[in-house]
Amino acid sequence: MAPDDSETSAAANLAPGARRVLLLEDNAEHQRLLEVLLKKLNVTVVLAENGQQGLAAIEHGEPAQLILLEMQMPRLDGCDATAQIRSWEAKNGEARRAIIGMTANAYEEDRQYCLEVGMDDLLTKPLSIEQLDALLARWLPAATPAANQLLDVARVRALVRELEPLLAHNEFDAIARFRILQEALAQTDMAAALVEVAQALDSYQFDLALMHLRQIAKAKGWEGDTDD
């Protein structure tokens, strides 16, 4: 079924241009791959390791416009999680958000059942970046070009200058500081530039993260004083 005005995202209060996906995936390898691909497409990814965690996130106000979930998960599988999310939406007067299932083996009868319990589509793994791009184009609002005007270059430069010595000394505080930098760039067209830094930090390769950060800072003009 295609999205329409009556099935707009429950994340209407997000900033214009923001795109957010709640990813329910219990396989760590698949989780990391999908997260990397989605971030390359300038999407904020919120992770849950099973259906129960995903449902809890929705119940606690997670505003993701799109839920991407694995069919076979512990505690609550994809169909059960979908059914409970739809029940919660109806009970609380929430707008119907898009839910897309993922499975390694999809048959037509499986797809029909998924639609019956409330999913909007069922896709077969592995998903390519092209498939994800098409998925986002269909179910998420396009990023707002004007969002880049919100970039506070002075703040970004200050964060980069704070982050560099933390990375150089392999300080774990660098991870939290990097998350702040990501948030500062989240609604700009420069968000995707940090993907390689994030990948390096995910595996605690601080030297590699520092190298990528310095390359980005030089290319983007984030070097220099913070008061210009």
N, C-alpha and C. Protein backbone atom coordinates (compact mmCIF):
# COMPACT_ATOMS: atom_id res chain seq x y z
N MET A 1 0.84 -1.18 0.00
CA MET A 1 0.00 0.00 0.00
C MET A 1 0.88 1.24 0.00
N ALA A 2 0.46 2.27 -0.67
CA ALA A 2 1.28 3.48 -0.81
C ALA A 2 0.93 4.48 0.27
N PRO A 3 1.92 5.31 0.66
CA PRO A 3 1.64 6.31 1.68
C PRO A 3 0.69 7.36 1.16
N ASP A 4 -0.19 7.89 2.02
CA ASP A 4 -1.08 8.97 1.62
C ASP A 4 -1.20 9.96 2.76
N ASP A 5 -2.03 10.98 2.59
CA ASP A 5 -2.15 12.03 3.59
C ASP A 5 -2.64 11.52 4.93
N SER A 6 -3.42 10.44 4.92
CA SER A 6 -3.96 9.91 6.18
C SER A 6 -2.96 9.01 6.88
N GLU A 7 -1.84 8.70 6.22
CA GLU A 7 -0.84 7.82 6.80
C GLU A 7 0.50 8.52 6.89
N THR A 8 0.47 9.80 7.17
CA THR A 8 1.71 10.55 7.30
C THR A 8 2.42 10.14 8.56
N SER A 9 3.69 10.47 8.63
CA SER A 9 4.53 10.04 9.74
C SER A 9 4.05 10.60 11.06
N ALA A 10 4.30 9.82 12.11
CA ALA A 10 4.03 10.28 13.46
C ALA A 10 5.08 11.26 13.92
N ALA A 11 6.07 11.52 13.05
CA ALA A 11 7.16 12.43 13.41
C ALA A 11 6.98 13.79 12.78
N ALA A 12 5.76 14.26 12.73
CA ALA A 12 5.49 15.54 12.08
C ALA A 12 6.17 16.70 12.79
N ASN A 13 6.52 16.51 14.06
CA ASN A 13 7.15 17.57 14.81
C ASN A 13 8.66 17.65 14.62
N LEU A 14 9.23 16.73 13.85
CA LEU A 14 10.66 16.79 13.58
C LEU A 14 10.98 18.02 12.74
N ALA A 15 12.22 18.46 12.82
CA ALA A 15 12.63 19.62 12.03
C ALA A 15 12.50 19.32 10.54
N PRO A 16 12.16 20.33 9.72
CA PRO A 16 12.05 20.13 8.28
C PRO A 16 13.34 19.53 7.73
N GLY A 17 13.20 18.50 6.90
CA GLY A 17 14.37 17.88 6.30
C GLY A 17 14.90 16.71 7.10
N ALA A 18 14.44 16.54 8.36
CA ALA A 18 14.93 15.44 9.17
C ALA A 18 14.34 14.13 8.66
N ARG A 19 15.17 13.11 8.61
CA ARG A 19 14.70 11.78 8.21
C ARG A 19 15.22 10.79 9.25
N ARG A 20 14.31 9.98 9.80
CA ARG A 20 14.65 9.14 10.95
C ARG A 20 14.06 7.75 10.75
N VAL A 21 14.86 6.72 10.99
CA VAL A 21 14.43 5.34 10.83
C VAL A 21 14.67 4.59 12.13
N LEU A 22 13.67 3.86 12.59
CA LEU A 22 13.82 2.94 13.71
C LEU A 22 14.12 1.57 13.12
N LEU A 23 15.31 1.05 13.39
CA LEU A 23 15.76 -0.22 12.83
C LEU A 23 15.69 -1.31 13.89
N LEU A 24 14.87 -2.33 13.65
CA LEU A 24 14.73 -3.47 14.55
C LEU A 24 15.44 -4.65 13.92
N GLU A 25 16.60 -5.00 14.45
CA GLU A 25 17.43 -6.05 13.87
C GLU A 25 18.25 -6.70 14.97
N ASP A 26 18.13 -8.02 15.13
CA ASP A 26 18.84 -8.70 16.21
C ASP A 26 20.21 -9.20 15.80
N ASN A 27 20.49 -9.28 14.51
CA ASN A 27 21.80 -9.73 14.03
C ASN A 27 22.76 -8.54 13.99
N ALA A 28 23.83 -8.60 14.79
CA ALA A 28 24.74 -7.45 14.92
C ALA A 28 25.39 -7.09 13.60
N GLU A 29 25.75 -8.07 12.80
CA GLU A 29 26.39 -7.79 11.51
C GLU A 29 25.44 -7.10 10.55
N HIS A 30 24.22 -7.62 10.46
CA HIS A 30 23.21 -6.99 9.59
C HIS A 30 22.85 -5.61 10.10
N GLN A 31 22.78 -5.48 11.42
CA GLN A 31 22.46 -4.19 12.03
C GLN A 31 23.48 -3.13 11.63
N ARG A 32 24.76 -3.48 11.75
CA ARG A 32 25.81 -2.51 11.43
C ARG A 32 25.80 -2.15 9.94
N LEU A 33 25.61 -3.15 9.07
CA LEU A 33 25.59 -2.89 7.63
C LEU A 33 24.46 -1.94 7.27
N LEU A 34 23.26 -2.22 7.76
CA LEU A 34 22.11 -1.37 7.45
C LEU A 34 22.30 0.03 8.02
N GLU A 35 22.87 0.12 9.20
CA GLU A 35 23.10 1.43 9.81
C GLU A 35 24.06 2.25 8.96
N VAL A 36 25.14 1.63 8.49
CA VAL A 36 26.11 2.33 7.66
C VAL A 36 25.46 2.81 6.36
N LEU A 37 24.68 1.93 5.71
CA LEU A 37 24.04 2.30 4.44
C LEU A 37 23.04 3.43 4.65
N LEU A 38 22.25 3.35 5.70
CA LEU A 38 21.25 4.38 5.95
C LEU A 38 21.90 5.72 6.28
N LYS A 39 22.99 5.70 7.03
CA LYS A 39 23.67 6.94 7.35
C LYS A 39 24.30 7.56 6.11
N LYS A 40 24.73 6.72 5.18
CA LYS A 40 25.24 7.24 3.91
C LYS A 40 24.15 7.97 3.13
N LEU A 41 22.90 7.60 3.40
CA LEU A 41 21.76 8.24 2.75
C LEU A 41 21.20 9.38 3.60
N ASN A 42 22.01 9.83 4.56
CA ASN A 42 21.67 11.01 5.38
C ASN A 42 20.41 10.78 6.22
N VAL A 43 20.38 9.61 6.87
CA VAL A 43 19.26 9.25 7.72
C VAL A 43 19.75 9.05 9.15
N THR A 44 19.01 9.54 10.12
CA THR A 44 19.30 9.26 11.51
C THR A 44 18.72 7.88 11.84
N VAL A 45 19.55 7.00 12.40
CA VAL A 45 19.14 5.62 12.68
C VAL A 45 19.05 5.41 14.19
N VAL A 46 17.91 4.88 14.62
CA VAL A 46 17.71 4.49 16.01
C VAL A 46 17.62 2.97 16.04
N LEU A 47 18.43 2.32 16.89
CA LEU A 47 18.55 0.87 16.88
C LEU A 47 17.75 0.20 17.99
N ALA A 48 17.18 -0.95 17.67
CA ALA A 48 16.55 -1.82 18.66
C ALA A 48 16.93 -3.25 18.29
N GLU A 49 17.22 -4.08 19.30
CA GLU A 49 17.73 -5.42 19.04
C GLU A 49 16.64 -6.47 18.94
N ASN A 50 15.42 -6.12 19.26
CA ASN A 50 14.32 -7.07 19.12
C ASN A 50 12.99 -6.33 19.06
N GLY A 51 11.93 -7.08 18.79
CA GLY A 51 10.63 -6.45 18.65
C GLY A 51 10.13 -5.78 19.90
N GLN A 52 10.45 -6.34 21.06
CA GLN A 52 10.00 -5.76 22.31
C GLN A 52 10.64 -4.40 22.55
N GLN A 53 11.94 -4.27 22.25
CA GLN A 53 12.62 -2.99 22.39
C GLN A 53 12.05 -1.97 21.40
N GLY A 54 11.75 -2.42 20.20
CA GLY A 54 11.18 -1.51 19.21
C GLY A 54 9.82 -0.98 19.63
N LEU A 55 8.98 -1.87 20.13
CA LEU A 55 7.66 -1.46 20.62
C LEU A 55 7.80 -0.49 21.78
N ALA A 56 8.72 -0.77 22.70
CA ALA A 56 8.93 0.11 23.84
C ALA A 56 9.38 1.50 23.39
N ALA A 57 10.23 1.54 22.36
CA ALA A 57 10.69 2.84 21.85
C ALA A 57 9.52 3.66 21.33
N ILE A 58 8.63 3.02 20.59
CA ILE A 58 7.45 3.71 20.06
C ILE A 58 6.56 4.19 21.20
N GLU A 59 6.34 3.33 22.18
CA GLU A 59 5.48 3.68 23.31
C GLU A 59 6.05 4.84 24.13
N HIS A 60 7.37 5.01 24.08
CA HIS A 60 8.01 6.09 24.83
C HIS A 60 8.26 7.33 23.98
N GLY A 61 7.64 7.38 22.81
CA GLY A 61 7.67 8.61 22.03
C GLY A 61 8.67 8.69 20.91
N GLU A 62 9.30 7.58 20.54
CA GLU A 62 10.24 7.61 19.41
C GLU A 62 9.52 8.12 18.16
N PRO A 63 10.02 9.20 17.52
CA PRO A 63 9.30 9.84 16.43
C PRO A 63 9.69 9.37 15.02
N ALA A 64 10.31 8.21 14.89
CA ALA A 64 10.76 7.75 13.57
C ALA A 64 9.61 7.71 12.58
N GLN A 65 9.89 8.21 11.37
CA GLN A 65 8.87 8.18 10.32
C GLN A 65 8.72 6.80 9.68
N LEU A 66 9.79 5.99 9.80
CA LEU A 66 9.81 4.69 9.14
C LEU A 66 10.38 3.66 10.11
N ILE A 67 9.73 2.50 10.18
CA ILE A 67 10.24 1.38 10.98
C ILE A 67 10.66 0.28 10.01
N LEU A 68 11.90 -0.11 10.11
CA LEU A 68 12.46 -1.17 9.27
C LEU A 68 12.79 -2.33 10.19
N LEU A 69 12.12 -3.48 10.01
CA LEU A 69 12.27 -4.55 10.99
C LEU A 69 12.50 -5.92 10.36
N GLU A 70 13.35 -6.69 11.03
CA GLU A 70 13.62 -8.09 10.68
C GLU A 70 12.41 -8.94 11.09
N MET A 71 12.07 -9.91 10.24
CA MET A 71 10.90 -10.73 10.53
C MET A 71 11.14 -11.69 11.67
N GLN A 72 12.33 -12.30 11.72
CA GLN A 72 12.65 -13.30 12.75
C GLN A 72 13.46 -12.65 13.86
N MET A 73 12.81 -12.29 14.95
CA MET A 73 13.48 -11.66 16.08
C MET A 73 13.04 -12.32 17.37
N PRO A 74 13.89 -12.30 18.41
CA PRO A 74 13.47 -12.84 19.71
C PRO A 74 12.45 -11.94 20.38
N ARG A 75 11.73 -12.53 21.34
CA ARG A 75 10.75 -11.84 22.19
C ARG A 75 9.50 -11.43 21.43
N LEU A 76 9.65 -10.60 20.40
CA LEU A 76 8.53 -10.28 19.50
C LEU A 76 9.06 -10.34 18.08
N ASP A 77 8.48 -11.20 17.24
CA ASP A 77 8.94 -11.23 15.85
C ASP A 77 8.34 -10.06 15.09
N GLY A 78 8.68 -9.95 13.81
CA GLY A 78 8.26 -8.81 13.01
C GLY A 78 6.75 -8.63 12.94
N CYS A 79 6.03 -9.74 12.75
CA CYS A 79 4.57 -9.65 12.63
C CYS A 79 3.92 -9.25 13.95
N ASP A 80 4.37 -9.87 15.05
CA ASP A 80 3.80 -9.54 16.35
C ASP A 80 4.11 -8.10 16.74
N ALA A 81 5.34 -7.66 16.47
CA ALA A 81 5.71 -6.28 16.79
C ALA A 81 4.85 -5.31 15.99
N THR A 82 4.65 -5.61 14.70
CA THR A 82 3.82 -4.75 13.85
C THR A 82 2.40 -4.66 14.38
N ALA A 83 1.83 -5.81 14.70
CA ALA A 83 0.45 -5.83 15.19
C ALA A 83 0.30 -5.01 16.47
N GLN A 84 1.28 -5.12 17.37
CA GLN A 84 1.18 -4.37 18.62
C GLN A 84 1.42 -2.87 18.42
N ILE A 85 2.30 -2.53 17.48
CA ILE A 85 2.51 -1.10 17.18
C ILE A 85 1.24 -0.51 16.58
N ARG A 86 0.59 -1.24 15.66
CA ARG A 86 -0.65 -0.75 15.06
C ARG A 86 -1.75 -0.60 16.11
N SER A 87 -1.80 -1.54 17.05
CA SER A 87 -2.80 -1.46 18.11
C SER A 87 -2.54 -0.24 18.99
N TRP A 88 -1.26 0.01 19.29
CA TRP A 88 -0.91 1.16 20.12
C TRP A 88 -1.23 2.46 19.41
N GLU A 89 -0.94 2.52 18.10
CA GLU A 89 -1.26 3.73 17.33
C GLU A 89 -2.75 4.03 17.37
N ALA A 90 -3.56 2.99 17.15
CA ALA A 90 -5.02 3.17 17.14
C ALA A 90 -5.54 3.59 18.51
N LYS A 91 -5.02 2.97 19.55
CA LYS A 91 -5.48 3.25 20.90
C LYS A 91 -5.13 4.67 21.33
N ASN A 92 -3.98 5.17 20.87
CA ASN A 92 -3.50 6.48 21.31
C ASN A 92 -3.72 7.59 20.28
N GLY A 93 -4.46 7.28 19.21
CA GLY A 93 -4.76 8.30 18.21
C GLY A 93 -3.53 8.77 17.44
N GLU A 94 -2.55 7.88 17.31
CA GLU A 94 -1.31 8.23 16.60
C GLU A 94 -1.50 8.02 15.10
N ALA A 95 -0.84 8.87 14.32
CA ALA A 95 -0.85 8.69 12.87
C ALA A 95 -0.12 7.40 12.51
N ARG A 96 -0.54 6.79 11.44
CA ARG A 96 0.01 5.50 11.01
C ARG A 96 1.37 5.71 10.34
N ARG A 97 2.42 5.20 10.95
CA ARG A 97 3.76 5.32 10.36
C ARG A 97 4.03 4.14 9.45
N ALA A 98 5.02 4.25 8.58
CA ALA A 98 5.36 3.17 7.66
C ALA A 98 6.15 2.09 8.38
N ILE A 99 5.79 0.83 8.14
CA ILE A 99 6.52 -0.31 8.69
C ILE A 99 6.88 -1.25 7.54
N ILE A 100 8.16 -1.50 7.37
CA ILE A 100 8.66 -2.34 6.28
C ILE A 100 9.39 -3.53 6.89
N GLY A 101 8.96 -4.74 6.51
CA GLY A 101 9.59 -5.95 7.00
C GLY A 101 10.76 -6.37 6.12
N MET A 102 11.69 -7.12 6.72
CA MET A 102 12.84 -7.66 5.99
C MET A 102 12.97 -9.14 6.30
N THR A 103 13.26 -9.95 5.28
CA THR A 103 13.43 -11.37 5.48
C THR A 103 14.36 -11.93 4.42
N ALA A 104 15.01 -13.05 4.74
CA ALA A 104 15.91 -13.68 3.77
C ALA A 104 15.12 -14.46 2.74
N ASN A 105 13.95 -14.93 3.10
CA ASN A 105 13.13 -15.73 2.17
C ASN A 105 11.69 -15.21 2.20
N ALA A 106 11.30 -14.53 1.14
CA ALA A 106 9.96 -13.95 1.08
C ALA A 106 9.14 -14.63 -0.02
N TYR A 107 8.01 -15.19 0.37
CA TYR A 107 7.08 -15.77 -0.59
C TYR A 107 5.83 -14.89 -0.63
N GLU A 108 5.03 -15.03 -1.68
CA GLU A 108 3.87 -14.17 -1.85
C GLU A 108 2.89 -14.30 -0.68
N GLU A 109 2.74 -15.55 -0.18
CA GLU A 109 1.83 -15.72 0.96
C GLU A 109 2.36 -15.04 2.22
N ASP A 110 3.70 -15.02 2.35
CA ASP A 110 4.30 -14.30 3.49
C ASP A 110 4.02 -12.81 3.37
N ARG A 111 4.20 -12.29 2.17
CA ARG A 111 3.98 -10.86 1.95
C ARG A 111 2.52 -10.48 2.25
N GLN A 112 1.59 -11.30 1.79
CA GLN A 112 0.18 -11.02 2.02
C GLN A 112 -0.15 -11.02 3.52
N TYR A 113 0.44 -11.99 4.25
CA TYR A 113 0.19 -12.04 5.69
C TYR A 113 0.76 -10.81 6.38
N CYS A 114 1.95 -10.38 5.97
CA CYS A 114 2.57 -9.19 6.57
C CYS A 114 1.71 -7.96 6.35
N LEU A 115 1.14 -7.84 5.16
CA LEU A 115 0.26 -6.71 4.88
C LEU A 115 -1.01 -6.78 5.74
N GLU A 116 -1.49 -7.99 5.96
CA GLU A 116 -2.71 -8.17 6.76
C GLU A 116 -2.50 -7.74 8.21
N VAL A 117 -1.29 -7.98 8.76
CA VAL A 117 -1.06 -7.62 10.16
C VAL A 117 -0.68 -6.15 10.32
N GLY A 118 -0.49 -5.45 9.17
CA GLY A 118 -0.25 -4.02 9.27
C GLY A 118 1.03 -3.48 8.66
N MET A 119 1.86 -4.36 8.09
CA MET A 119 3.06 -3.84 7.42
C MET A 119 2.67 -3.17 6.11
N ASP A 120 3.57 -2.34 5.64
CA ASP A 120 3.33 -1.65 4.37
C ASP A 120 4.03 -2.35 3.21
N ASP A 121 5.07 -3.15 3.52
CA ASP A 121 5.77 -3.89 2.47
C ASP A 121 6.69 -4.89 3.14
N LEU A 122 7.13 -5.87 2.35
CA LEU A 122 8.08 -6.88 2.82
C LEU A 122 9.18 -6.99 1.78
N LEU A 123 10.42 -6.80 2.21
CA LEU A 123 11.57 -6.82 1.31
C LEU A 123 12.46 -8.02 1.61
N THR A 124 13.17 -8.47 0.58
CA THR A 124 14.06 -9.61 0.72
C THR A 124 15.49 -9.15 0.92
N LYS A 125 16.14 -9.71 1.92
CA LYS A 125 17.56 -9.42 2.18
C LYS A 125 18.43 -10.21 1.19
N PRO A 126 19.66 -9.74 0.98
CA PRO A 126 20.26 -8.51 1.51
C PRO A 126 19.76 -7.28 0.75
N LEU A 127 19.66 -6.14 1.44
CA LEU A 127 19.21 -4.91 0.81
C LEU A 127 20.42 -4.12 0.34
N SER A 128 20.35 -3.62 -0.87
CA SER A 128 21.41 -2.78 -1.42
C SER A 128 21.14 -1.33 -1.07
N ILE A 129 22.15 -0.49 -1.22
CA ILE A 129 21.95 0.93 -0.95
C ILE A 129 20.96 1.53 -1.93
N GLU A 130 20.90 0.97 -3.16
CA GLU A 130 19.93 1.46 -4.15
C GLU A 130 18.50 1.14 -3.70
N GLN A 131 18.29 -0.05 -3.16
CA GLN A 131 16.96 -0.42 -2.66
C GLN A 131 16.55 0.47 -1.49
N LEU A 132 17.49 0.72 -0.60
CA LEU A 132 17.20 1.57 0.55
C LEU A 132 16.89 3.00 0.11
N ASP A 133 17.63 3.48 -0.88
CA ASP A 133 17.39 4.83 -1.39
C ASP A 133 15.98 4.93 -1.96
N ALA A 134 15.57 3.92 -2.73
CA ALA A 134 14.22 3.91 -3.29
C ALA A 134 13.16 3.82 -2.19
N LEU A 135 13.47 3.02 -1.16
CA LEU A 135 12.56 2.88 -0.03
C LEU A 135 12.36 4.21 0.68
N LEU A 136 13.45 4.91 0.92
CA LEU A 136 13.38 6.20 1.59
C LEU A 136 12.64 7.23 0.74
N ALA A 137 12.89 7.20 -0.56
CA ALA A 137 12.22 8.14 -1.46
C ALA A 137 10.71 7.94 -1.43
N ARG A 138 10.26 6.69 -1.23
CA ARG A 138 8.83 6.40 -1.23
C ARG A 138 8.17 6.74 0.10
N TRP A 139 8.87 6.46 1.22
CA TRP A 139 8.21 6.53 2.51
C TRP A 139 8.63 7.69 3.39
N LEU A 140 9.72 8.36 3.07
CA LEU A 140 10.18 9.47 3.90
C LEU A 140 10.13 10.77 3.11
N PRO A 141 9.90 11.89 3.79
CA PRO A 141 9.92 13.18 3.10
C PRO A 141 11.31 13.50 2.60
N ALA A 142 11.38 14.20 1.51
CA ALA A 142 12.67 14.61 0.97
C ALA A 142 13.34 15.59 1.91
N ALA A 143 14.66 15.52 1.97
CA ALA A 143 15.41 16.46 2.80
C ALA A 143 15.22 17.88 2.27
N THR A 144 15.14 18.82 3.16
CA THR A 144 14.94 20.21 2.78
C THR A 144 16.27 20.86 2.41
N PRO A 145 16.44 21.35 1.17
CA PRO A 145 17.70 21.96 0.79
C PRO A 145 18.12 23.09 1.71
N ALA A 146 17.14 23.84 2.23
CA ALA A 146 17.47 24.99 3.06
C ALA A 146 18.05 24.59 4.41
N ALA A 147 18.00 23.26 4.73
CA ALA A 147 18.48 22.83 6.03
C ALA A 147 19.94 23.19 6.24
N ASN A 148 20.72 23.22 5.14
CA ASN A 148 22.13 23.54 5.27
C ASN A 148 22.35 24.95 5.82
N GLN A 149 21.38 25.83 5.70
CA GLN A 149 21.52 27.19 6.22
C GLN A 149 21.58 27.21 7.74
N LEU A 150 21.16 26.11 8.39
CA LEU A 150 21.16 26.04 9.83
C LEU A 150 22.54 25.71 10.39
N LEU A 151 23.49 25.38 9.53
CA LEU A 151 24.81 24.98 10.00
C LEU A 151 25.51 26.12 10.73
N ASP A 152 25.91 25.86 11.96
CA ASP A 152 26.67 26.81 12.76
C ASP A 152 28.14 26.44 12.63
N VAL A 153 28.82 27.07 11.68
CA VAL A 153 30.19 26.71 11.36
C VAL A 153 31.11 26.92 12.56
N ALA A 154 30.91 28.03 13.29
CA ALA A 154 31.76 28.31 14.46
C ALA A 154 31.63 27.20 15.49
N ARG A 155 30.40 26.72 15.72
CA ARG A 155 30.20 25.64 16.70
C ARG A 155 30.84 24.35 16.21
N VAL A 156 30.70 24.06 14.91
CA VAL A 156 31.30 22.86 14.36
C VAL A 156 32.82 22.89 14.51
N ARG A 157 33.41 24.04 14.21
CA ARG A 157 34.86 24.16 14.36
C ARG A 157 35.29 23.94 15.81
N ALA A 158 34.52 24.50 16.74
CA ALA A 158 34.84 24.34 18.16
C ALA A 158 34.76 22.87 18.57
N LEU A 159 33.74 22.17 18.09
CA LEU A 159 33.59 20.76 18.42
C LEU A 159 34.72 19.93 17.83
N VAL A 160 35.11 20.25 16.61
CA VAL A 160 36.22 19.53 15.98
C VAL A 160 37.51 19.73 16.77
N ARG A 161 37.75 20.97 17.20
CA ARG A 161 38.96 21.27 17.96
C ARG A 161 38.96 20.56 19.32
N GLU A 162 37.79 20.39 19.93
CA GLU A 162 37.70 19.66 21.18
C GLU A 162 37.88 18.16 20.97
N LEU A 163 37.41 17.69 19.83
CA LEU A 163 37.42 16.25 19.55
C LEU A 163 38.81 15.74 19.18
N GLU A 164 39.57 16.54 18.47
CA GLU A 164 40.87 16.08 17.96
C GLU A 164 41.81 15.57 19.06
N PRO A 165 42.05 16.33 20.15
CA PRO A 165 42.96 15.81 21.18
C PRO A 165 42.40 14.58 21.90
N LEU A 166 41.09 14.47 22.02
CA LEU A 166 40.50 13.29 22.64
C LEU A 166 40.77 12.05 21.81
N LEU A 167 40.65 12.19 20.50
CA LEU A 167 40.97 11.08 19.61
C LEU A 167 42.45 10.76 19.63
N ALA A 168 43.27 11.79 19.65
CA ALA A 168 44.73 11.60 19.63
C ALA A 168 45.20 10.82 20.85
N HIS A 169 44.50 10.97 21.98
CA HIS A 169 44.90 10.29 23.21
C HIS A 169 44.01 9.08 23.52
N ASN A 170 43.26 8.63 22.51
CA ASN A 170 42.40 7.44 22.65
C ASN A 170 41.46 7.54 23.85
N GLU A 171 40.91 8.72 24.05
CA GLU A 171 39.99 8.94 25.17
C GLU A 171 38.57 8.52 24.77
N PHE A 172 37.92 7.73 25.64
CA PHE A 172 36.57 7.29 25.32
C PHE A 172 35.56 8.44 25.34
N ASP A 173 35.94 9.56 25.98
CA ASP A 173 35.09 10.75 25.93
C ASP A 173 34.92 11.25 24.50
N ALA A 174 35.82 10.82 23.62
CA ALA A 174 35.73 11.24 22.22
C ALA A 174 34.43 10.76 21.59
N ILE A 175 33.94 9.61 22.02
CA ILE A 175 32.72 9.05 21.43
C ILE A 175 31.53 9.94 21.74
N ALA A 176 31.40 10.35 22.99
CA ALA A 176 30.29 11.24 23.36
C ALA A 176 30.41 12.59 22.67
N ARG A 177 31.64 13.12 22.58
CA ARG A 177 31.85 14.40 21.92
C ARG A 177 31.53 14.29 20.43
N PHE A 178 31.85 13.16 19.83
CA PHE A 178 31.54 12.95 18.41
C PHE A 178 30.04 12.92 18.19
N ARG A 179 29.29 12.32 19.11
CA ARG A 179 27.83 12.28 18.98
C ARG A 179 27.25 13.70 18.96
N ILE A 180 27.86 14.59 19.74
CA ILE A 180 27.40 15.99 19.74
C ILE A 180 27.68 16.62 18.38
N LEU A 181 28.84 16.30 17.81
CA LEU A 181 29.16 16.82 16.48
C LEU A 181 28.18 16.28 15.44
N GLN A 182 27.83 15.02 15.55
CA GLN A 182 26.85 14.43 14.64
C GLN A 182 25.51 15.15 14.75
N GLU A 183 25.09 15.44 15.98
CA GLU A 183 23.82 16.14 16.17
C GLU A 183 23.87 17.54 15.56
N ALA A 184 25.02 18.19 15.66
CA ALA A 184 25.17 19.55 15.11
C ALA A 184 25.02 19.54 13.60
N LEU A 185 25.35 18.42 12.97
CA LEU A 185 25.30 18.32 11.51
C LEU A 185 24.11 17.51 11.01
N ALA A 186 23.28 17.01 11.93
CA ALA A 186 22.23 16.05 11.57
C ALA A 186 21.26 16.57 10.53
N GLN A 187 20.91 17.84 10.59
CA GLN A 187 19.92 18.39 9.66
C GLN A 187 20.57 19.19 8.53
N THR A 188 21.80 18.86 8.20
CA THR A 188 22.49 19.55 7.11
C THR A 188 22.94 18.53 6.08
N ASP A 189 23.31 19.03 4.90
CA ASP A 189 23.76 18.11 3.87
C ASP A 189 25.20 17.65 4.10
N MET A 190 25.79 18.03 5.23
CA MET A 190 27.14 17.58 5.57
C MET A 190 27.12 16.40 6.54
N ALA A 191 25.94 15.95 6.94
CA ALA A 191 25.85 14.85 7.90
C ALA A 191 26.55 13.59 7.40
N ALA A 192 26.40 13.31 6.12
CA ALA A 192 26.98 12.09 5.55
C ALA A 192 28.50 12.10 5.57
N ALA A 193 29.11 13.28 5.71
CA ALA A 193 30.57 13.38 5.70
C ALA A 193 31.20 12.66 6.88
N LEU A 194 30.42 12.45 7.94
CA LEU A 194 30.97 11.85 9.16
C LEU A 194 30.88 10.34 9.21
N VAL A 195 30.39 9.71 8.14
CA VAL A 195 30.17 8.27 8.17
C VAL A 195 31.46 7.50 8.46
N GLU A 196 32.55 7.86 7.80
CA GLU A 196 33.81 7.13 8.00
C GLU A 196 34.36 7.31 9.41
N VAL A 197 34.17 8.49 9.97
CA VAL A 197 34.59 8.72 11.36
C VAL A 197 33.77 7.83 12.29
N ALA A 198 32.47 7.77 12.06
CA ALA A 198 31.60 6.95 12.89
C ALA A 198 31.98 5.48 12.80
N GLN A 199 32.28 5.00 11.60
CA GLN A 199 32.67 3.60 11.42
C GLN A 199 33.94 3.30 12.20
N ALA A 200 34.91 4.19 12.13
CA ALA A 200 36.16 3.98 12.85
C ALA A 200 35.93 3.95 14.36
N LEU A 201 35.09 4.84 14.87
CA LEU A 201 34.82 4.88 16.30
C LEU A 201 34.02 3.66 16.76
N ASP A 202 33.17 3.14 15.87
CA ASP A 202 32.41 1.94 16.23
C ASP A 202 33.33 0.77 16.56
N SER A 203 34.51 0.74 15.94
CA SER A 203 35.47 -0.32 16.20
C SER A 203 36.65 0.18 17.04
N TYR A 204 36.47 1.35 17.66
CA TYR A 204 37.46 1.95 18.57
C TYR A 204 38.82 2.19 17.90
N GLN A 205 38.78 2.51 16.61
CA GLN A 205 40.00 2.87 15.90
C GLN A 205 40.16 4.39 15.95
N PHE A 206 40.64 4.89 17.08
CA PHE A 206 40.70 6.33 17.31
C PHE A 206 41.64 7.04 16.34
N ASP A 207 42.78 6.40 16.03
CA ASP A 207 43.73 7.01 15.09
C ASP A 207 43.10 7.18 13.71
N LEU A 208 42.39 6.15 13.27
CA LEU A 208 41.74 6.22 11.96
C LEU A 208 40.63 7.26 11.97
N ALA A 209 39.89 7.33 13.06
CA ALA A 209 38.83 8.34 13.18
C ALA A 209 39.42 9.74 13.12
N LEU A 210 40.54 9.93 13.79
CA LEU A 210 41.20 11.24 13.78
C LEU A 210 41.67 11.60 12.38
N MET A 211 42.23 10.63 11.67
CA MET A 211 42.69 10.89 10.31
C MET A 211 41.52 11.34 9.42
N HIS A 212 40.41 10.62 9.50
CA HIS A 212 39.24 10.99 8.69
C HIS A 212 38.70 12.36 9.09
N LEU A 213 38.66 12.62 10.39
CA LEU A 213 38.13 13.90 10.86
C LEU A 213 38.98 15.05 10.34
N ARG A 214 40.29 14.91 10.39
CA ARG A 214 41.16 15.98 9.91
C ARG A 214 41.02 16.18 8.41
N GLN A 215 40.83 15.10 7.67
CA GLN A 215 40.62 15.22 6.23
C GLN A 215 39.32 15.97 5.94
N ILE A 216 38.28 15.64 6.69
CA ILE A 216 36.98 16.30 6.50
C ILE A 216 37.08 17.78 6.89
N ALA A 217 37.72 18.05 8.01
CA ALA A 217 37.84 19.43 8.48
C ALA A 217 38.57 20.29 7.45
N LYS A 218 39.60 19.73 6.86
CA LYS A 218 40.35 20.47 5.84
C LYS A 218 39.50 20.70 4.59
N ALA A 219 38.80 19.64 4.17
CA ALA A 219 37.98 19.74 2.95
C ALA A 219 36.79 20.68 3.12
N LYS A 220 36.20 20.70 4.33
CA LYS A 220 35.00 21.50 4.57
C LYS A 220 35.31 22.90 5.11
N GLY A 221 36.59 23.16 5.38
CA GLY A 221 36.93 24.48 5.90
C GLY A 221 36.58 24.65 7.35
N TRP A 222 36.63 23.54 8.12
CA TRP A 222 36.29 23.61 9.55
C TRP A 222 37.52 23.87 10.41
N GLU A 223 38.64 24.11 9.79
CA GLU A 223 39.84 24.43 10.55
C GLU A 223 39.85 25.91 10.88
N GLY A 224 40.75 26.31 11.75
CA GLY A 224 40.90 27.74 12.04
C GLY A 224 40.17 28.17 13.28
N ASP A 225 40.13 29.48 13.50
CA ASP A 225 39.53 30.03 14.70
C ASP A 225 38.02 29.84 14.71
N THR A 226 37.43 29.87 15.88
CA THR A 226 35.98 29.66 16.02
C THR A 226 35.21 30.97 16.08
N ASP A 227 35.89 32.09 16.03
CA ASP A 227 35.17 33.37 16.21
C ASP A 227 35.13 34.20 14.95
N ASP A 228 35.31 33.53 13.77
CA ASP A 228 35.22 34.30 12.52
C ASP A 228 33.84 34.24 11.94
